[in-house]
Amino acid sequence: MKVTTISRVRSSSYTILFPVIAAIWVVLVLPEMKDRALEELDEMFARGVSMFRFGSFQTEGLGAEIAGVERTDAEYAESSVEVI
């Protein structure tokens, strides 16, 4: 079977188009979840927080309490490590 030039151009354009669309989707649709506990994320999704407010949103209740405990545990672990 002979591959025509048109099918080569079409397949190469799909090869370029798909990653571009995927990158735009990631930037515009997925919220930033860095440095958030799972309970905080659960609370934020339950409240319907806009993805544009994820970075500045302050959680209350169980999510904030657990995140505070996790952060203090991590700080304690860092401070208690001795370098010999």
Protein backbone atom coordinates (compact mmCIF):
# COMPACT_ATOMS: atom_id res chain seq x y z
CA MET A 1 0.00 0.00 0.00
CA LYS A 2 1.36 3.34 -1.05
CA VAL A 3 1.31 6.20 1.49
CA THR A 4 0.36 9.48 -0.10
CA THR A 5 1.79 12.87 0.76
CA ILE A 6 -1.60 14.07 1.99
CA SER A 7 -1.84 11.31 4.60
CA ARG A 8 1.71 12.08 5.79
CA VAL A 9 0.87 15.77 6.23
CA ARG A 10 -2.37 14.93 8.00
CA SER A 11 -0.69 12.54 10.45
CA SER A 12 2.13 14.99 11.19
CA SER A 13 -0.35 17.78 11.88
CA TYR A 14 -2.17 15.52 14.36
CA THR A 15 1.16 14.74 15.98
CA ILE A 16 1.74 18.44 16.61
CA LEU A 17 -1.87 19.39 17.32
CA PHE A 18 -2.59 16.85 20.08
CA PRO A 19 0.23 17.92 22.47
CA VAL A 20 -0.67 21.58 21.98
CA ILE A 21 -4.32 20.93 22.86
CA ALA A 22 -3.28 18.78 25.84
CA ALA A 23 -0.95 21.50 27.17
CA ILE A 24 -3.68 24.15 26.88
CA TRP A 25 -6.13 21.82 28.67
CA VAL A 26 -3.66 21.23 31.52
CA VAL A 27 -3.02 24.95 32.00
CA LEU A 28 -6.67 26.01 31.83
CA VAL A 29 -8.56 23.11 33.43
CA LEU A 30 -6.40 21.47 36.10
CA PRO A 31 -6.06 23.40 39.37
CA GLU A 32 -2.73 23.75 41.19
CA MET A 33 -2.59 21.24 44.05
CA LYS A 34 0.97 21.81 45.23
CA ASP A 35 1.51 21.81 49.02
CA ARG A 36 -2.09 20.81 49.76
CA ALA A 37 -3.19 17.91 51.95
CA LEU A 38 -5.76 15.49 50.53
CA GLU A 39 -8.29 16.66 53.12
CA GLU A 40 -7.80 20.27 52.02
CA LEU A 41 -8.38 19.30 48.40
CA ASP A 42 -11.47 17.35 49.39
CA GLU A 43 -12.85 20.37 51.23
CA MET A 44 -12.08 22.69 48.32
CA PHE A 45 -13.76 20.44 45.75
CA ALA A 46 -16.77 19.96 48.05
CA ARG A 47 -17.17 23.74 48.35
CA GLY A 48 -16.85 24.17 44.58
CA VAL A 49 -13.86 26.52 44.74
CA SER A 50 -12.89 27.90 41.35
CA MET A 51 -9.57 26.62 40.04
CA PHE A 52 -8.34 30.20 39.80
CA ARG A 53 -8.77 30.59 43.60
CA PHE A 54 -7.05 27.32 44.57
CA GLY A 55 -3.72 28.97 45.32
CA SER A 56 -5.08 31.66 47.65
CA PHE A 57 -7.98 29.76 49.25
CA GLN A 58 -7.67 29.19 53.01
CA THR A 59 -9.34 26.02 54.22
CA GLU A 60 -11.22 25.71 57.49
CA GLY A 61 -12.22 22.73 59.56
CA LEU A 62 -10.73 19.26 59.27
CA GLY A 63 -8.68 20.01 56.14
CA ALA A 64 -6.88 22.91 57.77
CA GLU A 65 -6.27 21.00 61.01
CA ILE A 66 -4.76 17.97 59.27
CA ALA A 67 -2.65 20.15 56.98
CA GLY A 68 -1.32 22.03 60.01
CA VAL A 69 -0.38 18.78 61.74
CA GLU A 70 1.33 17.48 58.60
CA ARG A 71 3.32 20.68 58.19
CA THR A 72 4.48 20.73 61.82
CA ASP A 73 5.44 17.04 61.59
CA ALA A 74 7.52 17.77 58.50
CA GLU A 75 9.21 20.74 60.17
CA TYR A 76 9.95 18.60 63.24
CA ALA A 77 11.42 15.84 61.10
CA GLU A 78 13.68 18.33 59.29
CA SER A 79 14.90 19.88 62.53
CA SER A 80 15.56 16.57 64.28
CA VAL A 81 17.80 15.12 61.56
CA GLU A 82 21.40 15.16 62.66
CA VAL A 83 24.24 15.26 60.17
CA ILE A 84 27.25 13.25 61.30
